[in-house]
Amino acid sequence: MPVAMEIFGFFLTAVGLLMLGVTLAHSSWRVSTVHGNVITTNTIFENLWYSCATDSMGVHNCWEFPSMLALSGYIQACRALMITAILLGFLGLFLGMVGLRCTNIGGLELSRKTKLAATAGALHILAGICGMVAVSWYAFNITRDFFDPLYAGTKYELGPALYLGWSACLLAILGGICLFSNCCCSRDRDPAAGVQLPYKAPVITAASLAARLPAAASDEEGDSSFGKYGKNAYV
């Protein structure tokens, strides 16, 4: 059962990492539709890297953000958090492959494999938290501008990439928890480390006590007989 839990957690983290990569490259983090007649209706969608616009005829144009320093602070922070989440996920995936008990990579002992698997779980949890903060922060700015009556710019709605990112972060966190808790709470020990048995006091039975009493009595008689006759008793 612990091995199955490790495999299940590793599978969740791998799927979560893949979905995080898809989320980062997805073009629809926020979407805005400008309605008009058949010709003038267009859709604007953006992500962390570029902005695109498409009209009702299917023609679309994309342009990258000209300068990173000219972007809003939260977009720069979301970029950094998403890249950090993916890097942590890749590192956790590598350590998880080595630390799983069903694999034999590196010929490590069971205690070391358990520590590696627990470390991989912690890294995946951190990756999920970083991704969750980035996606939620981006969504917060969208909803704040959308419901602000004084905001004069283009109002966007939540894009499908945000829902994909939330799902990816949730899978990464759940998989990391499975790896971390299963390895930390496992009762398996390394056979080379030995097993400590509980102390058990020796039990003295009546038969063994009776067998020892005559020997003690004979020793006392010998000592008393030696004391009865002095060294001058023999000529």
Protein backbone atom coordinates (compact mmCIF):
# COMPACT_ATOMS: atom_id res chain seq x y z
CA MET A 1 0.00 0.00 0.00
CA PRO A 2 2.75 2.59 0.74
CA VAL A 3 4.39 1.83 -2.61
CA ALA A 4 1.05 2.32 -4.39
CA MET A 5 0.58 5.63 -2.58
CA GLU A 6 4.03 6.77 -3.70
CA ILE A 7 3.30 5.86 -7.32
CA PHE A 8 -0.05 7.64 -7.17
CA GLY A 9 1.53 10.78 -5.71
CA PHE A 10 4.31 10.71 -8.32
CA PHE A 11 1.71 10.39 -11.09
CA LEU A 12 -0.23 13.38 -9.74
CA THR A 13 2.89 15.53 -9.55
CA ALA A 14 3.95 14.58 -13.09
CA VAL A 15 0.52 15.50 -14.48
CA GLY A 16 0.51 18.72 -12.46
CA LEU A 17 3.94 19.70 -13.79
CA LEU A 18 2.82 19.05 -17.36
CA MET A 19 -0.27 21.18 -16.86
CA LEU A 20 1.82 23.97 -15.34
CA GLY A 21 3.96 24.03 -18.47
CA VAL A 22 0.86 24.18 -20.66
CA THR A 23 -0.55 26.98 -18.50
CA LEU A 24 2.60 29.08 -18.81
CA ALA A 25 2.54 28.84 -22.61
CA HIS A 26 -1.24 29.20 -22.95
CA SER A 27 -2.34 32.34 -24.78
CA SER A 28 -5.64 32.98 -22.98
CA TRP A 29 -4.88 34.12 -19.46
CA ARG A 30 -7.42 36.90 -19.87
CA VAL A 31 -9.99 37.42 -22.62
CA SER A 32 -12.01 40.44 -23.72
CA THR A 33 -14.68 40.43 -26.42
CA VAL A 34 -15.75 43.67 -28.08
CA HIS A 35 -19.19 43.14 -29.61
CA GLY A 36 -20.35 45.02 -32.69
CA ASN A 37 -21.67 44.03 -36.06
CA VAL A 38 -20.45 40.97 -37.93
CA ILE A 39 -17.36 42.75 -39.23
CA THR A 40 -16.24 44.73 -36.19
CA THR A 41 -16.61 42.03 -33.52
CA ASN A 42 -13.18 41.06 -32.24
CA THR A 43 -11.62 39.20 -29.35
CA ILE A 44 -8.52 40.21 -27.41
CA PHE A 45 -6.62 37.66 -25.35
CA GLU A 46 -3.37 37.98 -23.44
CA ASN A 47 -0.95 35.94 -21.38
CA LEU A 48 2.27 36.75 -19.56
CA TRP A 49 4.28 37.20 -22.75
CA TYR A 50 2.17 38.66 -25.56
CA SER A 51 -1.23 40.00 -26.57
CA CYS A 52 -3.35 38.88 -29.52
CA ALA A 53 -6.46 40.11 -31.27
CA THR A 54 -8.72 38.24 -33.66
CA ASP A 55 -11.79 39.37 -35.58
CA SER A 56 -14.90 37.58 -36.74
CA MET A 57 -13.21 36.65 -40.04
CA GLY A 58 -10.59 34.59 -38.22
CA VAL A 59 -7.70 36.97 -38.84
CA HIS A 60 -5.57 37.49 -35.77
CA ASN A 61 -2.48 39.48 -34.95
CA CYS A 62 -0.13 38.98 -32.02
CA TRP A 63 2.55 41.23 -30.60
CA GLU A 64 4.93 40.67 -27.75
CA PHE A 65 5.16 43.07 -24.87
CA PRO A 66 7.84 45.57 -25.89
CA SER A 67 9.66 45.94 -22.58
CA MET A 68 9.72 43.91 -19.41
CA LEU A 69 10.34 47.00 -17.28
CA ALA A 70 7.29 48.69 -18.76
CA LEU A 71 4.99 45.88 -17.62
CA SER A 72 2.95 45.94 -14.47
CA GLY A 73 4.65 44.64 -11.37
CA TYR A 74 2.24 41.77 -10.87
CA ILE A 75 2.90 40.44 -14.39
CA GLN A 76 6.63 40.36 -13.72
CA ALA A 77 6.02 38.64 -10.39
CA CYS A 78 3.71 36.08 -12.02
CA ARG A 79 6.38 35.29 -14.60
CA ALA A 80 8.97 34.70 -11.89
CA LEU A 81 6.60 32.58 -9.80
CA MET A 82 5.54 30.38 -12.72
CA ILE A 83 9.13 29.78 -13.84
CA THR A 84 10.12 28.99 -10.25
CA ALA A 85 7.22 26.56 -9.94
CA ILE A 86 8.25 24.69 -13.09
CA LEU A 87 11.91 24.51 -12.02
CA LEU A 88 10.94 23.18 -8.59
CA GLY A 89 8.61 20.69 -10.25
CA PHE A 90 11.36 19.35 -12.52
CA LEU A 91 13.75 19.00 -9.59
CA GLY A 92 11.09 17.26 -7.53
CA LEU A 93 10.27 14.96 -10.44
CA PHE A 94 13.91 13.90 -10.74
CA LEU A 95 14.28 13.29 -6.99
CA GLY A 96 10.99 11.42 -6.97
CA MET A 97 12.16 9.05 -9.70
CA VAL A 98 15.28 8.25 -7.69
CA GLY A 99 13.50 8.07 -4.35
CA LEU A 100 10.62 5.77 -5.26
CA ARG A 101 10.90 2.37 -3.63
CA CYS A 102 9.73 0.65 -6.80
CA THR A 103 12.76 1.94 -8.74
CA ASN A 104 16.39 0.91 -8.52
CA ILE A 105 18.21 4.01 -9.72
CA GLY A 106 21.60 4.54 -8.13
CA GLY A 107 21.37 1.52 -5.82
CA LEU A 108 20.55 3.67 -2.79
CA GLU A 109 19.55 2.34 0.59
CA LEU A 110 15.92 2.41 1.64
CA SER A 111 16.46 5.14 4.22
CA ARG A 112 18.06 7.45 1.64
CA LYS A 113 15.36 6.73 -0.92
CA THR A 114 12.73 7.64 1.67
CA LYS A 115 14.44 10.97 2.37
CA LEU A 116 14.70 11.74 -1.34
CA ALA A 117 11.01 10.96 -1.88
CA ALA A 118 10.04 13.19 1.05
CA THR A 119 12.21 16.00 -0.34
CA ALA A 120 10.57 15.57 -3.75
CA GLY A 121 7.15 15.85 -2.14
CA ALA A 122 8.14 19.07 -0.37
CA LEU A 123 9.45 20.55 -3.64
CA HIS A 124 6.20 19.73 -5.43
CA ILE A 125 4.21 21.35 -2.65
CA LEU A 126 6.31 24.51 -2.99
CA ALA A 127 5.88 24.41 -6.77
CA GLY A 128 2.11 24.15 -6.40
CA ILE A 129 2.05 27.04 -3.95
CA CYS A 130 4.14 29.25 -6.27
CA GLY A 131 1.87 28.49 -9.21
CA MET A 132 -1.25 29.02 -7.11
CA VAL A 133 -0.03 32.43 -5.96
CA ALA A 134 0.79 33.48 -9.54
CA VAL A 135 -2.53 32.39 -11.03
CA SER A 136 -4.61 33.76 -8.16
CA TRP A 137 -2.77 37.09 -8.19
CA TYR A 138 -3.35 37.46 -11.93
CA ALA A 139 -7.04 36.58 -11.53
CA PHE A 140 -7.40 39.07 -8.67
CA ASN A 141 -6.18 41.93 -10.86
CA ILE A 142 -8.59 40.93 -13.63
CA THR A 143 -11.61 40.90 -11.33
CA ARG A 144 -10.56 44.12 -9.61
CA ASP A 145 -10.38 46.02 -12.90
CA PHE A 146 -13.56 44.42 -14.20
CA PHE A 147 -15.71 45.50 -11.25
CA ASP A 148 -14.10 48.93 -10.92
CA PRO A 149 -16.55 51.49 -12.41
CA LEU A 150 -13.79 54.10 -12.68
CA TYR A 151 -11.45 51.89 -14.72
CA ALA A 152 -11.27 53.33 -18.25
CA GLY A 153 -9.15 50.64 -19.89
CA THR A 154 -10.15 47.38 -21.53
CA LYS A 155 -11.96 45.09 -19.14
CA TYR A 156 -11.00 41.44 -19.34
CA GLU A 157 -12.48 38.23 -18.03
CA LEU A 158 -10.84 35.11 -16.66
CA GLY A 159 -9.32 33.01 -19.42
CA PRO A 160 -9.22 29.21 -19.63
CA ALA A 161 -5.51 29.20 -18.77
CA LEU A 162 -6.28 30.31 -15.22
CA TYR A 163 -8.61 27.38 -14.58
CA LEU A 164 -6.01 25.05 -16.04
CA GLY A 165 -3.38 26.58 -13.77
CA TRP A 166 -5.52 26.16 -10.66
CA SER A 167 -6.08 22.50 -11.51
CA ALA A 168 -2.36 21.98 -12.12
CA CYS A 169 -1.38 23.54 -8.80
CA LEU A 170 -3.95 21.47 -6.95
CA LEU A 171 -2.61 18.26 -8.49
CA ALA A 172 0.97 19.23 -7.66
CA ILE A 173 0.11 19.98 -4.04
CA LEU A 174 -1.92 16.79 -3.57
CA GLY A 175 0.79 14.66 -5.16
CA GLY A 176 3.46 16.30 -3.02
CA ILE A 177 1.42 15.66 0.12
CA CYS A 178 1.07 11.99 -0.83
CA LEU A 179 4.83 11.63 -1.31
CA PHE A 180 5.81 13.60 1.77
CA SER A 181 3.32 12.10 4.22
CA ASN A 182 3.74 8.55 2.97
CA CYS A 183 7.52 8.67 3.26
CA CYS A 184 7.59 10.45 6.62
CA CYS A 185 4.97 8.22 8.22
CA SER A 186 6.26 4.97 6.78
CA ARG A 187 7.29 2.36 9.31
CA ASP A 188 9.63 0.52 7.00
CA ARG A 189 13.26 0.58 8.04
CA ASP A 190 16.50 -0.16 6.31
CA PRO A 191 17.47 -3.82 6.93
CA ALA A 192 21.13 -2.81 7.32
CA ALA A 193 20.26 -0.54 10.20
CA GLY A 194 19.03 -3.45 12.31
CA VAL A 195 15.92 -3.81 14.39
CA GLN A 196 15.86 -2.77 18.03
CA LEU A 197 13.98 -5.30 20.13
CA PRO A 198 12.26 -4.21 23.34
CA TYR A 199 14.03 -5.00 26.60
CA LYS A 200 12.73 -8.06 28.41
CA ALA A 201 13.79 -8.78 31.98
CA PRO A 202 15.02 -12.33 32.70
CA VAL A 203 12.50 -14.60 34.39
CA ILE A 204 13.73 -16.78 37.27
CA THR A 205 11.61 -19.87 37.81
CA ALA A 206 11.30 -21.93 40.98
CA ALA A 207 13.17 -24.86 39.42
CA SER A 208 16.18 -22.75 38.50
CA LEU A 209 16.18 -21.16 41.96
CA ALA A 210 16.08 -24.58 43.63
CA ALA A 211 18.95 -25.78 41.46
CA ARG A 212 21.11 -22.89 42.62
CA LEU A 213 20.43 -23.25 46.35
CA PRO A 214 22.38 -26.53 47.00
CA ALA A 215 25.47 -25.17 45.31
CA ALA A 216 25.34 -22.08 47.47
CA ALA A 217 24.81 -24.21 50.59
CA SER A 218 27.83 -26.42 49.81
CA ASP A 219 29.98 -23.34 49.35
CA GLU A 220 28.92 -22.05 52.76
CA GLU A 221 29.70 -25.42 54.40
CA GLY A 222 33.14 -25.46 52.85
CA ASP A 223 33.85 -21.98 54.12
CA SER A 224 32.62 -22.83 57.63
CA SER A 225 34.68 -26.03 57.82
CA PHE A 226 37.75 -24.17 56.74
CA GLY A 227 37.13 -21.61 59.44
CA LYS A 228 36.64 -24.31 62.14
CA TYR A 229 40.13 -25.68 61.79
CA GLY A 230 42.98 -23.24 61.97
CA LYS A 231 46.25 -23.48 60.18
CA ASN A 232 47.80 -25.20 63.24
CA ALA A 233 45.22 -28.00 63.23
CA TYR A 234 47.32 -30.11 60.90
CA VAL A 235 50.75 -31.33 61.89
